[in-house]
N, C-alpha and C. Protein backbone atom coordinates (compact mmCIF):
# COMPACT_ATOMS: atom_id res chain seq x y z
N MET A 1 -3.20 27.26 24.39
CA MET A 1 -2.06 26.92 23.58
C MET A 1 -2.09 27.66 22.25
N ILE A 2 -3.27 27.87 21.71
CA ILE A 2 -3.33 28.52 20.41
C ILE A 2 -2.79 29.95 20.49
N ARG A 3 -2.99 30.60 21.64
CA ARG A 3 -2.42 31.94 21.81
C ARG A 3 -0.89 31.87 21.81
N THR A 4 -0.35 30.84 22.46
CA THR A 4 1.11 30.67 22.50
C THR A 4 1.68 30.51 21.10
N ALA A 5 0.93 29.83 20.24
CA ALA A 5 1.37 29.59 18.85
C ALA A 5 0.93 30.71 17.91
N HIS A 6 0.44 31.80 18.48
CA HIS A 6 -0.01 32.95 17.68
C HIS A 6 -1.02 32.55 16.61
N ASP A 7 -1.99 31.73 17.03
CA ASP A 7 -3.09 31.26 16.17
C ASP A 7 -2.64 30.41 14.99
N ASP A 8 -1.43 29.89 15.03
CA ASP A 8 -0.92 29.02 13.96
C ASP A 8 -0.93 27.58 14.47
N LEU A 9 -1.88 26.79 13.98
CA LEU A 9 -2.04 25.41 14.46
C LEU A 9 -0.85 24.52 14.13
N LYS A 10 -0.03 24.93 13.18
CA LYS A 10 1.13 24.11 12.80
C LYS A 10 2.43 24.57 13.44
N LYS A 11 2.38 25.66 14.20
CA LYS A 11 3.58 26.19 14.82
C LYS A 11 3.97 25.32 16.02
N GLU A 12 5.26 25.02 16.14
CA GLU A 12 5.76 24.23 17.26
C GLU A 12 5.89 25.11 18.49
N ILE A 13 5.58 24.53 19.64
CA ILE A 13 5.77 25.23 20.91
C ILE A 13 6.68 24.37 21.78
N MET A 14 7.30 24.98 22.77
CA MET A 14 8.31 24.29 23.57
C MET A 14 7.74 23.51 24.76
N ALA A 15 6.63 23.96 25.32
CA ALA A 15 6.11 23.28 26.51
C ALA A 15 4.61 23.54 26.65
N ILE A 16 3.98 22.67 27.39
CA ILE A 16 2.56 22.81 27.69
C ILE A 16 2.42 22.72 29.20
N GLN A 17 1.63 23.61 29.77
CA GLN A 17 1.37 23.54 31.21
C GLN A 17 0.07 22.78 31.40
N PHE A 18 0.12 21.76 32.21
CA PHE A 18 -1.06 20.94 32.44
C PHE A 18 -1.77 21.40 33.71
N SER A 19 -3.07 21.24 33.72
CA SER A 19 -3.85 21.52 34.92
C SER A 19 -4.75 20.33 35.19
N LYS A 20 -5.33 20.33 36.35
CA LYS A 20 -6.21 19.23 36.77
C LYS A 20 -5.47 17.89 36.73
N THR A 21 -4.22 17.91 37.13
CA THR A 21 -3.42 16.69 37.18
C THR A 21 -3.98 15.79 38.27
N GLU A 22 -4.07 14.51 37.99
CA GLU A 22 -4.53 13.58 39.01
C GLU A 22 -3.56 12.40 39.10
N LEU A 23 -3.40 11.91 40.29
CA LEU A 23 -2.54 10.75 40.51
C LEU A 23 -3.30 9.48 40.20
N PHE A 24 -2.62 8.53 39.58
CA PHE A 24 -3.23 7.24 39.32
C PHE A 24 -3.36 6.47 40.63
N LYS A 25 -4.41 5.69 40.75
CA LYS A 25 -4.60 4.82 41.91
C LYS A 25 -3.61 3.66 41.85
N LYS A 26 -3.24 3.27 40.64
CA LYS A 26 -2.34 2.14 40.41
C LYS A 26 -1.15 2.64 39.59
N PRO A 27 0.06 2.62 40.16
CA PRO A 27 1.23 3.05 39.38
C PRO A 27 1.41 2.17 38.14
N ILE A 28 1.90 2.77 37.07
CA ILE A 28 2.16 2.04 35.83
C ILE A 28 3.67 1.97 35.63
N THR A 29 4.18 0.77 35.46
CA THR A 29 5.62 0.60 35.23
C THR A 29 5.97 1.06 33.82
N PHE A 30 7.24 1.38 33.62
CA PHE A 30 7.72 1.78 32.30
C PHE A 30 7.49 0.66 31.28
N ASP A 31 7.74 -0.58 31.69
CA ASP A 31 7.52 -1.72 30.79
C ASP A 31 6.05 -1.81 30.37
N LYS A 32 5.14 -1.60 31.32
CA LYS A 32 3.71 -1.65 31.03
C LYS A 32 3.32 -0.51 30.09
N LEU A 33 3.90 0.66 30.30
CA LEU A 33 3.63 1.81 29.45
C LEU A 33 4.06 1.52 28.01
N GLN A 34 5.25 0.94 27.85
CA GLN A 34 5.72 0.58 26.51
C GLN A 34 4.84 -0.51 25.89
N GLU A 35 4.33 -1.40 26.72
CA GLU A 35 3.43 -2.45 26.22
C GLU A 35 2.12 -1.83 25.72
N ILE A 36 1.57 -0.89 26.47
CA ILE A 36 0.32 -0.24 26.08
C ILE A 36 0.50 0.53 24.79
N ILE A 37 1.59 1.30 24.69
CA ILE A 37 1.82 2.13 23.51
C ILE A 37 2.37 1.30 22.34
N ASP A 38 2.92 0.14 22.64
CA ASP A 38 3.41 -0.81 21.63
C ASP A 38 4.54 -0.24 20.77
N ARG A 39 5.43 0.50 21.43
CA ARG A 39 6.65 0.96 20.75
C ARG A 39 7.64 1.41 21.81
N LYS A 40 8.90 1.45 21.43
CA LYS A 40 9.96 1.89 22.34
C LYS A 40 10.04 3.41 22.32
N PHE A 41 10.25 4.00 23.46
CA PHE A 41 10.38 5.44 23.56
C PHE A 41 11.14 5.79 24.82
N SER A 42 11.50 7.04 24.94
CA SER A 42 12.17 7.55 26.12
C SER A 42 11.27 8.59 26.76
N VAL A 43 11.12 8.55 28.06
CA VAL A 43 10.28 9.55 28.73
C VAL A 43 11.01 10.88 28.89
N GLN A 44 12.27 10.93 28.49
CA GLN A 44 13.02 12.19 28.55
C GLN A 44 12.82 13.03 27.30
N SER A 45 12.08 12.50 26.34
CA SER A 45 11.85 13.25 25.12
C SER A 45 10.35 13.30 24.84
N LEU A 46 9.98 14.20 23.96
CA LEU A 46 8.57 14.33 23.60
C LEU A 46 8.16 13.23 22.64
N PHE A 47 6.94 12.80 22.77
CA PHE A 47 6.38 11.87 21.80
C PHE A 47 4.87 11.98 21.87
N LYS A 48 4.24 11.75 20.74
CA LYS A 48 2.78 11.83 20.65
C LYS A 48 2.17 10.47 20.93
N ILE A 49 1.01 10.50 21.54
CA ILE A 49 0.22 9.29 21.70
C ILE A 49 -1.18 9.57 21.16
N SER A 50 -1.83 8.52 20.74
CA SER A 50 -3.18 8.67 20.19
C SER A 50 -4.19 8.79 21.33
N LYS A 51 -5.40 9.14 20.98
CA LYS A 51 -6.48 9.20 21.98
C LYS A 51 -6.71 7.81 22.58
N GLU A 52 -6.60 6.79 21.74
CA GLU A 52 -6.81 5.42 22.22
C GLU A 52 -5.71 5.02 23.21
N GLU A 53 -4.45 5.41 22.91
CA GLU A 53 -3.35 5.11 23.83
C GLU A 53 -3.53 5.85 25.15
N PHE A 54 -3.95 7.12 25.09
CA PHE A 54 -4.21 7.88 26.30
C PHE A 54 -5.28 7.20 27.13
N LYS A 55 -6.36 6.78 26.48
CA LYS A 55 -7.46 6.11 27.18
C LYS A 55 -6.98 4.82 27.85
N ALA A 56 -6.17 4.03 27.15
CA ALA A 56 -5.65 2.78 27.70
C ALA A 56 -4.75 3.05 28.91
N ILE A 57 -3.90 4.07 28.82
CA ILE A 57 -3.02 4.42 29.94
C ILE A 57 -3.86 4.90 31.12
N TYR A 58 -4.81 5.77 30.86
CA TYR A 58 -5.67 6.30 31.92
C TYR A 58 -6.45 5.17 32.60
N ASN A 59 -7.02 4.29 31.78
CA ASN A 59 -7.77 3.17 32.34
C ASN A 59 -6.88 2.26 33.19
N GLU A 60 -5.67 2.02 32.73
CA GLU A 60 -4.73 1.18 33.49
C GLU A 60 -4.41 1.82 34.84
N GLY A 61 -4.19 3.11 34.84
CA GLY A 61 -3.81 3.80 36.06
C GLY A 61 -4.95 4.05 37.03
N THR A 62 -6.17 4.03 36.52
CA THR A 62 -7.33 4.27 37.38
C THR A 62 -8.12 3.00 37.65
N LEU A 63 -7.57 1.88 37.25
CA LEU A 63 -8.18 0.56 37.48
C LEU A 63 -9.50 0.36 36.75
N LYS A 64 -9.74 1.12 35.70
CA LYS A 64 -10.95 0.92 34.90
C LYS A 64 -10.66 -0.10 33.82
N SER A 65 -11.66 -0.82 33.41
CA SER A 65 -11.46 -1.76 32.31
C SER A 65 -11.38 -0.98 31.01
N THR A 66 -10.63 -1.52 30.05
CA THR A 66 -10.50 -0.84 28.77
C THR A 66 -11.76 -1.06 27.96
N GLU A 67 -12.38 0.03 27.60
CA GLU A 67 -13.60 -0.02 26.78
C GLU A 67 -13.25 0.48 25.41
N LYS A 68 -13.84 -0.08 24.42
CA LYS A 68 -13.57 0.37 23.05
C LYS A 68 -14.85 0.80 22.39
């Protein structure tokens, strides 16, 4: 990604290509996702999540208990 932004960490980019995508063992409903992130959002737009939110979503989808 840093090459895409021409070594400028503050430069905005339009898209990110993900690799090593994995399917969750347990689907997560939109309502559950909003509950985990604790705010309203639209999945049709970009939004940032914290590392903790990512971990909670991942744990929910992979049936792992949330560890802190």
